[in-house]
Amino acid sequence: MEEAMNQECVSNTDVPEAKPVSGTYASQFEKSKAQSDIPVATSKQTSTEFFSHKYKMDYPNRGKAIIINNKTFNAGTGLNVREGMDQDASALYNCLSKLKFDVDLKHNRTADEIKATLQKAAKLDHRDNDCFICAILSHGGDGYIWGTDRMIPINDLIEPFKGNECLSLAGKPKIFFIQACHDDMNVGDGKEVEPQFSRLKIPSEADFLIACSVVPGYYSWRNERNKAKCPSFVQALSDVLEKHGQKMDLLTMMTHVNQIVGKKFQPDTSHPDMNEKKQIPLVTSMLTKEVYFTIK
């Protein structure tokens, strides 16, 4: 039945509607003789697993998770210290560790160091891993993230994990969490405003989820003095993963994160144009299945 459905989906008359920006030929099945020069994924799945509505999450290992927490920046950047972010990074480290990820927490990395770290991670053998997670906590905006010395395009960090580049993660979830703030926009009373990612571009390949702390066109906030009342995006994410990480699918959990940030967060500031404003995170999903961090 599945083979018949597959044949119906492929026609000799099918033509592309748009020219691809890059070629991705990664597949979880054996390559044919006609495609002997096309790379395929190194982790194979059965037909049942391939067409399941859930990602296969019973590999021997949960997978690699990398957290980049940039708190201090070079003097030449003009960027302030990101106070309070160590707690966010620590909370995320703990909840991902409980979900059985192999977590690396790195502090204050330059743009080149961040890029090298992710390139190295993409070259690892992920055949026995369920998925991959990267979380970046830094300054940023407009499709960029700040290293301690300069900005780097977010696309440059995601590119090595595309299916045709990282074959052992082809067909597996690649998850990116981004919280970025810009401290030169202080508005007083211990609150800070974070600029939006107005032109964040997402790779065209499948199996990515990228969650940012705010939607385009709006500011993102964090409250240094009352985090219980006004949780940041990463704090809300950590709380939801802690409570529901092994029983809810990822997109449902991200909806809960949106609810917490959207309803609970309301900045209290003396700035007349910023007081009592709201925010909502942006979750862009190109996942093709449901993600469950099932108990290992």
C-alpha atoms as a PDB file:
ATOM      1  CA  MET A   1       0.000   0.000   0.000  1.00  0.00           C
ATOM      2  CA  GLU A   2       2.797   2.409   0.931  1.00  0.00           C
ATOM      3  CA  GLU A   3       4.672   1.586  -2.289  1.00  0.00           C
ATOM      4  CA  ALA A   4       1.554   2.325  -4.323  1.00  0.00           C
ATOM      5  CA  MET A   5       1.113   5.662  -2.567  1.00  0.00           C
ATOM      6  CA  ASN A   6       4.743   6.535  -3.220  1.00  0.00           C
ATOM      7  CA  GLN A   7       4.383   5.763  -6.928  1.00  0.00           C
ATOM      8  CA  GLU A   8       1.341   8.030  -7.126  1.00  0.00           C
ATOM      9  CA  CYS A   9       3.358  10.899  -5.637  1.00  0.00           C
ATOM     10  CA  VAL A  10       6.072  10.706  -8.302  1.00  0.00           C
ATOM     11  CA  SER A  11       5.272  11.381 -11.930  1.00  0.00           C
ATOM     12  CA  ASN A  12       7.434  11.585 -15.010  1.00  0.00           C
ATOM     13  CA  THR A  13       5.653  14.852 -15.792  1.00  0.00           C
ATOM     14  CA  ASP A  14       6.545  16.505 -12.480  1.00  0.00           C
ATOM     15  CA  VAL A  15       8.544  19.696 -12.980  1.00  0.00           C
ATOM     16  CA  PRO A  16      10.164  21.994 -10.417  1.00  0.00           C
ATOM     17  CA  GLU A  17       8.305  25.205  -9.628  1.00  0.00           C
ATOM     18  CA  ALA A  18      11.419  27.030  -8.429  1.00  0.00           C
ATOM     19  CA  LYS A  19      15.158  26.681  -8.686  1.00  0.00           C
ATOM     20  CA  PRO A  20      16.649  25.340  -5.428  1.00  0.00           C
ATOM     21  CA  VAL A  21      19.244  27.407  -3.588  1.00  0.00           C
ATOM     22  CA  SER A  22      21.155  24.252  -2.727  1.00  0.00           C
ATOM     23  CA  GLY A  23      20.923  20.573  -3.513  1.00  0.00           C
ATOM     24  CA  THR A  24      19.924  18.130  -0.817  1.00  0.00           C
ATOM     25  CA  TYR A  25      19.774  14.516  -1.854  1.00  0.00           C
ATOM     26  CA  ALA A  26      20.162  12.885   1.563  1.00  0.00           C
ATOM     27  CA  SER A  27      17.965   9.848   1.946  1.00  0.00           C
ATOM     28  CA  GLN A  28      17.469   7.181   4.563  1.00  0.00           C
ATOM     29  CA  PHE A  29      17.359   4.450   1.945  1.00  0.00           C
ATOM     30  CA  GLU A  30      20.022   2.784  -0.150  1.00  0.00           C
ATOM     31  CA  LYS A  31      21.095   4.765  -3.203  1.00  0.00           C
ATOM     32  CA  SER A  32      20.221   3.376  -6.604  1.00  0.00           C
ATOM     33  CA  LYS A  33      22.772   2.623  -9.304  1.00  0.00           C
ATOM     34  CA  ALA A  34      21.544   5.658 -11.191  1.00  0.00           C
ATOM     35  CA  GLN A  35      22.308   7.806  -8.156  1.00  0.00           C
ATOM     36  CA  SER A  36      25.581   6.219  -7.135  1.00  0.00           C
ATOM     37  CA  ASP A  37      27.296   9.601  -6.900  1.00  0.00           C
ATOM     38  CA  ILE A  38      24.633  11.183  -4.696  1.00  0.00           C
ATOM     39  CA  PRO A  39      25.307  11.152  -0.933  1.00  0.00           C
ATOM     40  CA  VAL A  40      22.844   9.357   1.297  1.00  0.00           C
ATOM     41  CA  ALA A  41      22.247   9.399   5.010  1.00  0.00           C
ATOM     42  CA  THR A  42      24.344   6.996   7.022  1.00  0.00           C
ATOM     43  CA  SER A  43      21.557   6.141   9.498  1.00  0.00           C
ATOM     44  CA  LYS A  44      18.931   4.039   7.751  1.00  0.00           C
ATOM     45  CA  GLN A  45      15.334   3.479   8.788  1.00  0.00           C
ATOM     46  CA  THR A  46      12.759   0.908   7.871  1.00  0.00           C
ATOM     47  CA  SER A  47       9.890   1.904   5.609  1.00  0.00           C
ATOM     48  CA  THR A  48       7.560   1.916   8.624  1.00  0.00           C
ATOM     49  CA  GLU A  49       9.868   4.242  10.549  1.00  0.00           C
ATOM     50  CA  PHE A  50      10.342   6.501   7.551  1.00  0.00           C
ATOM     51  CA  PHE A  51       6.603   7.044   7.034  1.00  0.00           C
ATOM     52  CA  SER A  52       5.739   7.277  10.734  1.00  0.00           C
ATOM     53  CA  HIS A  53       4.199  10.490  12.082  1.00  0.00           C
ATOM     54  CA  LYS A  54       6.824  10.495  14.827  1.00  0.00           C
ATOM     55  CA  TYR A  55      10.580  10.806  14.519  1.00  0.00           C
ATOM     56  CA  LYS A  56      12.515   7.711  15.473  1.00  0.00           C
ATOM     57  CA  MET A  57      13.754   8.583  18.974  1.00  0.00           C
ATOM     58  CA  ASP A  58      15.026   5.232  20.233  1.00  0.00           C
ATOM     59  CA  TYR A  59      18.595   5.412  19.008  1.00  0.00           C
ATOM     60  CA  PRO A  60      21.225   4.513  21.643  1.00  0.00           C
ATOM     61  CA  ASN A  61      21.874   8.209  22.423  1.00  0.00           C
ATOM     62  CA  ARG A  62      19.631  11.250  22.712  1.00  0.00           C
ATOM     63  CA  GLY A  63      22.184  13.387  20.928  1.00  0.00           C
ATOM     64  CA  LYS A  64      24.431  16.409  21.212  1.00  0.00           C
ATOM     65  CA  ALA A  65      23.271  19.741  22.647  1.00  0.00           C
ATOM     66  CA  ILE A  66      25.398  22.889  22.492  1.00  0.00           C
ATOM     67  CA  ILE A  67      24.635  26.023  24.495  1.00  0.00           C
ATOM     68  CA  ILE A  68      26.507  29.227  23.630  1.00  0.00           C
ATOM     69  CA  ASN A  69      26.135  31.851  26.374  1.00  0.00           C
ATOM     70  CA  ASN A  70      27.787  35.170  25.569  1.00  0.00           C
ATOM     71  CA  LYS A  71      27.661  37.479  28.571  1.00  0.00           C
ATOM     72  CA  THR A  72      30.598  39.855  28.110  1.00  0.00           C
ATOM     73  CA  PHE A  73      31.798  41.443  24.881  1.00  0.00           C
ATOM     74  CA  ASN A  74      34.895  43.137  23.593  1.00  0.00           C
ATOM     75  CA  ALA A  75      35.116  46.838  24.398  1.00  0.00           C
ATOM     76  CA  GLY A  76      35.161  47.778  20.718  1.00  0.00           C
ATOM     77  CA  THR A  77      31.668  46.356  20.184  1.00  0.00           C
ATOM     78  CA  GLY A  78      30.020  48.862  22.500  1.00  0.00           C
ATOM     79  CA  LEU A  79      27.809  46.095  23.897  1.00  0.00           C
ATOM     80  CA  ASN A  80      26.925  45.899  27.582  1.00  0.00           C
ATOM     81  CA  VAL A  81      27.248  42.872  29.858  1.00  0.00           C
ATOM     82  CA  ARG A  82      24.210  40.593  29.675  1.00  0.00           C
ATOM     83  CA  GLU A  83      23.449  40.283  33.353  1.00  0.00           C
ATOM     84  CA  GLY A  84      21.460  37.295  34.552  1.00  0.00           C
ATOM     85  CA  MET A  85      22.036  35.121  31.514  1.00  0.00           C
ATOM     86  CA  ASP A  86      24.226  32.637  33.395  1.00  0.00           C
ATOM     87  CA  GLN A  87      21.117  31.487  35.279  1.00  0.00           C
ATOM     88  CA  ASP A  88      19.208  30.996  32.049  1.00  0.00           C
ATOM     89  CA  ALA A  89      22.055  29.010  30.512  1.00  0.00           C
ATOM     90  CA  SER A  90      22.412  26.877  33.646  1.00  0.00           C
ATOM     91  CA  ALA A  91      18.672  26.110  33.762  1.00  0.00           C
ATOM     92  CA  LEU A  92      18.679  25.061  30.112  1.00  0.00           C
ATOM     93  CA  TYR A  93      21.794  22.938  30.670  1.00  0.00           C
ATOM     94  CA  ASN A  94      20.120  21.110  33.558  1.00  0.00           C
ATOM     95  CA  CYS A  95      16.855  20.358  31.791  1.00  0.00           C
ATOM     96  CA  LEU A  96      18.574  19.145  28.614  1.00  0.00           C
ATOM     97  CA  SER A  97      20.851  16.942  30.697  1.00  0.00           C
ATOM     98  CA  LYS A  98      17.785  15.405  32.349  1.00  0.00           C
ATOM     99  CA  LEU A  99      16.449  14.641  28.880  1.00  0.00           C
ATOM    100  CA  LYS A 100      19.695  12.669  28.344  1.00  0.00           C
ATOM    101  CA  PHE A 101      21.383  15.069  25.949  1.00  0.00           C
ATOM    102  CA  ASP A 102      25.162  15.250  25.931  1.00  0.00           C
ATOM    103  CA  VAL A 103      25.357  18.972  26.715  1.00  0.00           C
ATOM    104  CA  ASP A 104      28.269  21.337  26.122  1.00  0.00           C
ATOM    105  CA  LEU A 105      27.899  24.774  27.732  1.00  0.00           C
ATOM    106  CA  LYS A 106      30.305  27.357  26.344  1.00  0.00           C
ATOM    107  CA  HIS A 107      30.702  30.922  27.610  1.00  0.00           C
ATOM    108  CA  ASN A 108      31.898  34.074  25.846  1.00  0.00           C
ATOM    109  CA  ARG A 109      32.884  32.798  22.418  1.00  0.00           C
ATOM    110  CA  THR A 110      34.028  34.877  19.472  1.00  0.00           C
ATOM    111  CA  ALA A 111      32.220  34.682  16.151  1.00  0.00           C
ATOM    112  CA  ASP A 112      34.921  32.426  14.710  1.00  0.00           C
ATOM    113  CA  GLU A 113      34.834  30.190  17.794  1.00  0.00           C
ATOM    114  CA  ILE A 114      31.053  29.839  17.579  1.00  0.00           C
ATOM    115  CA  LYS A 115      31.245  28.974  13.908  1.00  0.00           C
ATOM    116  CA  ALA A 116      34.072  26.486  14.485  1.00  0.00           C
ATOM    117  CA  THR A 117      32.180  24.863  17.369  1.00  0.00           C
ATOM    118  CA  LEU A 118      29.111  24.209  15.235  1.00  0.00           C
ATOM    119  CA  GLN A 119      31.115  23.104  12.223  1.00  0.00           C
ATOM    120  CA  LYS A 120      32.893  20.593  14.449  1.00  0.00           C
ATOM    121  CA  ALA A 121      29.570  19.391  15.859  1.00  0.00           C
ATOM    122  CA  ALA A 122      28.164  18.904  12.370  1.00  0.00           C
ATOM    123  CA  LYS A 123      31.112  16.695  11.464  1.00  0.00           C
ATOM    124  CA  LEU A 124      30.504  14.325  14.375  1.00  0.00           C
ATOM    125  CA  ASP A 125      29.042  10.892  13.763  1.00  0.00           C
ATOM    126  CA  HIS A 126      25.377  11.230  14.773  1.00  0.00           C
ATOM    127  CA  ARG A 127      24.283   7.805  13.521  1.00  0.00           C
ATOM    128  CA  ASP A 128      23.429   6.608  17.036  1.00  0.00           C
ATOM    129  CA  ASN A 129      21.778   9.900  18.062  1.00  0.00           C
ATOM    130  CA  ASP A 130      18.117  10.888  18.030  1.00  0.00           C
ATOM    131  CA  CYS A 131      18.616  14.557  17.174  1.00  0.00           C
ATOM    132  CA  PHE A 132      20.690  17.719  17.676  1.00  0.00           C
ATOM    133  CA  ILE A 133      20.065  20.919  19.670  1.00  0.00           C
ATOM    134  CA  CYS A 134      21.842  24.266  19.645  1.00  0.00           C
ATOM    135  CA  ALA A 135      20.900  27.181  21.917  1.00  0.00           C
ATOM    136  CA  ILE A 136      22.448  30.623  21.501  1.00  0.00           C
ATOM    137  CA  LEU A 137      22.108  33.332  24.158  1.00  0.00           C
ATOM    138  CA  SER A 138      23.732  36.566  23.064  1.00  0.00           C
ATOM    139  CA  HIS A 139      23.223  39.978  21.512  1.00  0.00           C
ATOM    140  CA  GLY A 140      21.868  39.993  18.004  1.00  0.00           C
ATOM    141  CA  GLY A 141      19.313  41.122  15.501  1.00  0.00           C
ATOM    142  CA  ASP A 142      18.273  41.187  11.841  1.00  0.00           C
ATOM    143  CA  GLY A 143      19.383  37.618  11.117  1.00  0.00           C
ATOM    144  CA  TYR A 144      22.668  37.854  13.033  1.00  0.00           C
ATOM    145  CA  ILE A 145      24.027  36.758  16.382  1.00  0.00           C
ATOM    146  CA  TRP A 146      26.925  38.403  18.193  1.00  0.00           C
ATOM    147  CA  GLY A 147      30.133  36.663  19.087  1.00  0.00           C
ATOM    148  CA  THR A 148      32.124  38.499  21.711  1.00  0.00           C
ATOM    149  CA  ASP A 149      33.895  40.387  18.924  1.00  0.00           C
ATOM    150  CA  ARG A 150      31.549  40.702  15.946  1.00  0.00           C
ATOM    151  CA  MET A 151      28.297  39.569  14.382  1.00  0.00           C
ATOM    152  CA  ILE A 152      27.850  36.354  12.448  1.00  0.00           C
ATOM    153  CA  PRO A 153      24.886  35.394  10.207  1.00  0.00           C
ATOM    154  CA  ILE A 154      22.658  32.776  11.813  1.00  0.00           C
ATOM    155  CA  ASN A 155      22.437  31.019   8.459  1.00  0.00           C
ATOM    156  CA  ASP A 156      26.183  30.395   8.610  1.00  0.00           C
ATOM    157  CA  LEU A 157      25.656  28.457  11.843  1.00  0.00           C
ATOM    158  CA  ILE A 158      22.764  26.404  10.497  1.00  0.00           C
ATOM    159  CA  GLU A 159      24.243  25.602   7.083  1.00  0.00           C
ATOM    160  CA  PRO A 160      26.568  22.753   8.236  1.00  0.00           C
ATOM    161  CA  PHE A 161      23.577  20.783   9.552  1.00  0.00           C
ATOM    162  CA  LYS A 162      21.610  20.620   6.313  1.00  0.00           C
ATOM    163  CA  GLY A 163      20.835  17.148   5.100  1.00  0.00           C
ATOM    164  CA  ASN A 164      23.382  17.173   2.298  1.00  0.00           C
ATOM    165  CA  GLU A 165      26.140  18.424   4.631  1.00  0.00           C
ATOM    166  CA  CYS A 166      25.571  16.408   7.815  1.00  0.00           C
ATOM    167  CA  LEU A 167      24.494  13.019   6.495  1.00  0.00           C
ATOM    168  CA  SER A 168      24.231  11.308   9.881  1.00  0.00           C
ATOM    169  CA  LEU A 169      21.553  13.861  10.929  1.00  0.00           C
ATOM    170  CA  ALA A 170      19.587  13.648   7.677  1.00  0.00           C
ATOM    171  CA  GLY A 171      15.956  12.884   8.471  1.00  0.00           C
ATOM    172  CA  LYS A 172      16.504  13.735  12.153  1.00  0.00           C
ATOM    173  CA  PRO A 173      15.401  16.834  14.081  1.00  0.00           C
ATOM    174  CA  LYS A 174      17.813  19.787  14.140  1.00  0.00           C
ATOM    175  CA  ILE A 175      16.604  22.229  16.788  1.00  0.00           C
ATOM    176  CA  PHE A 176      17.869  25.783  17.334  1.00  0.00           C
ATOM    177  CA  PHE A 177      16.828  28.063  20.211  1.00  0.00           C
ATOM    178  CA  ILE A 178      17.878  31.711  19.931  1.00  0.00           C
ATOM    179  CA  GLN A 179      17.556  34.396  22.575  1.00  0.00           C
ATOM    180  CA  ALA A 180      19.349  37.585  21.639  1.00  0.00           C
ATOM    181  CA  CYS A 181      19.315  41.001  23.242  1.00  0.00           C
ATOM    182  CA  HIS A 182      20.960  44.361  22.657  1.00  0.00           C
ATOM    183  CA  ASP A 183      21.927  46.195  25.817  1.00  0.00           C
ATOM    184  CA  ASP A 184      22.483  49.590  24.237  1.00  0.00           C
ATOM    185  CA  MET A 185      18.703  49.964  24.301  1.00  0.00           C
ATOM    186  CA  ASN A 186      18.324  50.112  28.076  1.00  0.00           C
ATOM    187  CA  VAL A 187      15.132  51.801  29.179  1.00  0.00           C
ATOM    188  CA  GLY A 188      15.785  51.924  32.901  1.00  0.00           C
ATOM    189  CA  ASP A 189      14.506  50.122  36.001  1.00  0.00           C
ATOM    190  CA  GLY A 190      16.608  47.048  35.332  1.00  0.00           C
ATOM    191  CA  LYS A 191      14.707  46.094  32.187  1.00  0.00           C
ATOM    192  CA  GLU A 192      16.187  45.791  28.747  1.00  0.00           C
ATOM    193  CA  VAL A 193      14.700  45.709  25.303  1.00  0.00           C
ATOM    194  CA  GLU A 194      15.824  43.219  22.681  1.00  0.00           C
ATOM    195  CA  PRO A 195      15.536  43.888  18.934  1.00  0.00           C
ATOM    196  CA  GLN A 196      13.664  41.561  16.641  1.00  0.00           C
ATOM    197  CA  PHE A 197      15.073  39.222  14.007  1.00  0.00           C
ATOM    198  CA  SER A 198      13.302  40.974  11.175  1.00  0.00           C
ATOM    199  CA  ARG A 199      14.855  39.014   8.307  1.00  0.00           C
ATOM    200  CA  LEU A 200      15.859  35.687   9.812  1.00  0.00           C
ATOM    201  CA  LYS A 201      16.157  33.237   6.936  1.00  0.00           C
ATOM    202  CA  ILE A 202      15.561  29.558   7.542  1.00  0.00           C
ATOM    203  CA  PRO A 203      17.202  26.787   5.484  1.00  0.00           C
ATOM    204  CA  SER A 204      14.952  25.276   2.834  1.00  0.00           C
ATOM    205  CA  GLU A 205      15.688  21.697   3.909  1.00  0.00           C
ATOM    206  CA  ALA A 206      13.357  19.753   6.182  1.00  0.00           C
ATOM    207  CA  ASP A 207      13.656  18.630   9.798  1.00  0.00           C
ATOM    208  CA  PHE A 208      14.685  21.971  11.287  1.00  0.00           C
ATOM    209  CA  LEU A 209      12.964  23.844  14.088  1.00  0.00           C
ATOM    210  CA  ILE A 210      14.210  27.340  14.906  1.00  0.00           C
ATOM    211  CA  ALA A 211      12.682  29.221  17.827  1.00  0.00           C
ATOM    212  CA  CYS A 212      13.503  32.880  18.481  1.00  0.00           C
ATOM    213  CA  SER A 213      12.591  34.943  21.503  1.00  0.00           C
ATOM    214  CA  VAL A 214      10.350  37.333  19.550  1.00  0.00           C
ATOM    215  CA  VAL A 215       8.411  37.703  16.303  1.00  0.00           C
ATOM    216  CA  PRO A 216       9.599  40.139  13.606  1.00  0.00           C
ATOM    217  CA  GLY A 217       8.653  43.765  14.108  1.00  0.00           C
ATOM    218  CA  TYR A 218       8.499  43.711  17.910  1.00  0.00           C
ATOM    219  CA  TYR A 219      10.892  44.088  20.808  1.00  0.00           C
ATOM    220  CA  SER A 220      11.842  41.261  23.127  1.00  0.00           C
ATOM    221  CA  TRP A 221      12.258  41.906  26.840  1.00  0.00           C
ATOM    222  CA  ARG A 222      13.974  40.463  29.851  1.00  0.00           C
ATOM    223  CA  ASN A 223      13.518  41.547  33.455  1.00  0.00           C
ATOM    224  CA  GLU A 224      16.547  41.341  35.720  1.00  0.00           C
ATOM    225  CA  ARG A 225      14.744  41.936  39.009  1.00  0.00           C
ATOM    226  CA  ASN A 226      11.619  39.800  38.849  1.00  0.00           C
ATOM    227  CA  LYS A 227      12.189  36.779  36.639  1.00  0.00           C
ATOM    228  CA  ALA A 228       9.471  34.749  38.367  1.00  0.00           C
ATOM    229  CA  LYS A 229       6.921  37.356  37.304  1.00  0.00           C
ATOM    230  CA  CYS A 230       8.454  38.067  33.908  1.00  0.00           C
ATOM    231  CA  PRO A 231      10.283  34.957  32.634  1.00  0.00           C
ATOM    232  CA  SER A 232      12.540  35.230  29.617  1.00  0.00           C
ATOM    233  CA  PHE A 233      12.097  33.014  26.583  1.00  0.00           C
ATOM    234  CA  VAL A 234      14.865  30.657  27.736  1.00  0.00           C
ATOM    235  CA  GLN A 235      13.451  30.536  31.263  1.00  0.00           C
ATOM    236  CA  ALA A 236      10.016  29.636  29.941  1.00  0.00           C
ATOM    237  CA  LEU A 237      11.561  27.063  27.592  1.00  0.00           C
ATOM    238  CA  SER A 238      13.511  25.468  30.429  1.00  0.00           C
ATOM    239  CA  ASP A 239      10.421  25.307  32.653  1.00  0.00           C
ATOM    240  CA  VAL A 240       8.319  23.665  29.953  1.00  0.00           C
ATOM    241  CA  LEU A 241      11.031  21.138  29.055  1.00  0.00           C
ATOM    242  CA  GLU A 242      11.452  20.342  32.749  1.00  0.00           C
ATOM    243  CA  LYS A 243       7.729  19.692  33.265  1.00  0.00           C
ATOM    244  CA  HIS A 244       6.651  18.182  29.966  1.00  0.00           C
ATOM    245  CA  GLY A 245       9.824  17.137  28.134  1.00  0.00           C
ATOM    246  CA  GLN A 246       9.122  13.410  28.202  1.00  0.00           C
ATOM    247  CA  LYS A 247       5.389  13.406  27.518  1.00  0.00           C
ATOM    248  CA  MET A 248       4.577  16.226  25.069  1.00  0.00           C
ATOM    249  CA  ASP A 249       5.711  16.675  21.503  1.00  0.00           C
ATOM    250  CA  LEU A 250       8.061  19.571  20.860  1.00  0.00           C
ATOM    251  CA  LEU A 251       5.650  21.823  18.957  1.00  0.00           C
ATOM    252  CA  THR A 252       3.059  21.512  21.707  1.00  0.00           C
ATOM    253  CA  MET A 253       5.727  22.450  24.242  1.00  0.00           C
ATOM    254  CA  MET A 254       6.681  25.484  22.160  1.00  0.00           C
ATOM    255  CA  THR A 255       3.019  26.535  22.186  1.00  0.00           C
ATOM    256  CA  HIS A 256       3.178  26.403  25.987  1.00  0.00           C
ATOM    257  CA  VAL A 257       6.325  28.550  25.885  1.00  0.00           C
ATOM    258  CA  ASN A 258       4.491  31.078  23.719  1.00  0.00           C
ATOM    259  CA  GLN A 259       1.651  31.131  26.202  1.00  0.00           C
ATOM    260  CA  ILE A 260       3.941  31.738  29.190  1.00  0.00           C
ATOM    261  CA  VAL A 261       5.901  34.523  27.509  1.00  0.00           C
ATOM    262  CA  GLY A 262       2.871  36.051  25.812  1.00  0.00           C
ATOM    263  CA  LYS A 263       0.580  36.110  28.838  1.00  0.00           C
ATOM    264  CA  LYS A 264       2.868  36.245  31.845  1.00  0.00           C
ATOM    265  CA  PHE A 265       5.467  38.714  30.661  1.00  0.00           C
ATOM    266  CA  GLN A 266       4.586  42.392  30.971  1.00  0.00           C
ATOM    267  CA  PRO A 267       7.480  44.798  31.523  1.00  0.00           C
ATOM    268  CA  ASP A 268       7.222  47.479  34.184  1.00  0.00           C
ATOM    269  CA  THR A 269       9.341  50.401  33.056  1.00  0.00           C
ATOM    270  CA  SER A 270       9.418  54.163  33.392  1.00  0.00           C
ATOM    271  CA  HIS A 271       9.800  54.504  29.618  1.00  0.00           C
ATOM    272  CA  PRO A 272       6.363  55.773  28.430  1.00  0.00           C
ATOM    273  CA  ASP A 273       6.545  54.009  25.063  1.00  0.00           C
ATOM    274  CA  MET A 274       7.654  50.667  26.471  1.00  0.00           C
ATOM    275  CA  ASN A 275       5.660  50.218  29.680  1.00  0.00           C
ATOM    276  CA  GLU A 276       3.321  47.207  29.875  1.00  0.00           C
ATOM    277  CA  LYS A 277       4.134  46.053  26.361  1.00  0.00           C
ATOM    278  CA  LYS A 278       3.822  42.393  25.420  1.00  0.00           C
ATOM    279  CA  GLN A 279       5.874  39.965  23.347  1.00  0.00           C
ATOM    280  CA  ILE A 280       5.526  36.559  21.736  1.00  0.00           C
ATOM    281  CA  PRO A 281       8.276  34.180  20.551  1.00  0.00           C
ATOM    282  CA  LEU A 282       8.639  33.087  16.940  1.00  0.00           C
ATOM    283  CA  VAL A 283       8.700  29.342  16.247  1.00  0.00           C
ATOM    284  CA  THR A 284       9.527  28.349  12.679  1.00  0.00           C
ATOM    285  CA  SER A 285       9.107  24.641  12.082  1.00  0.00           C
ATOM    286  CA  MET A 286      10.129  22.605   9.092  1.00  0.00           C
ATOM    287  CA  LEU A 287       9.784  19.404  11.040  1.00  0.00           C
ATOM    288  CA  THR A 288       8.100  16.653   9.085  1.00  0.00           C
ATOM    289  CA  LYS A 289       7.123  14.577  12.113  1.00  0.00           C
ATOM    290  CA  GLU A 290       6.353  14.923  15.795  1.00  0.00           C
ATOM    291  CA  VAL A 291       9.300  15.132  18.206  1.00  0.00           C
ATOM    292  CA  TYR A 292       8.993  13.264  21.509  1.00  0.00           C
ATOM    293  CA  PHE A 293      11.933  13.093  23.911  1.00  0.00           C
ATOM    294  CA  THR A 294      10.849   9.659  25.083  1.00  0.00           C
ATOM    295  CA  ILE A 295      12.319   8.205  28.257  1.00  0.00           C
ATOM    296  CA  LYS A 296      15.687   6.487  27.807  1.00  0.00           C
END
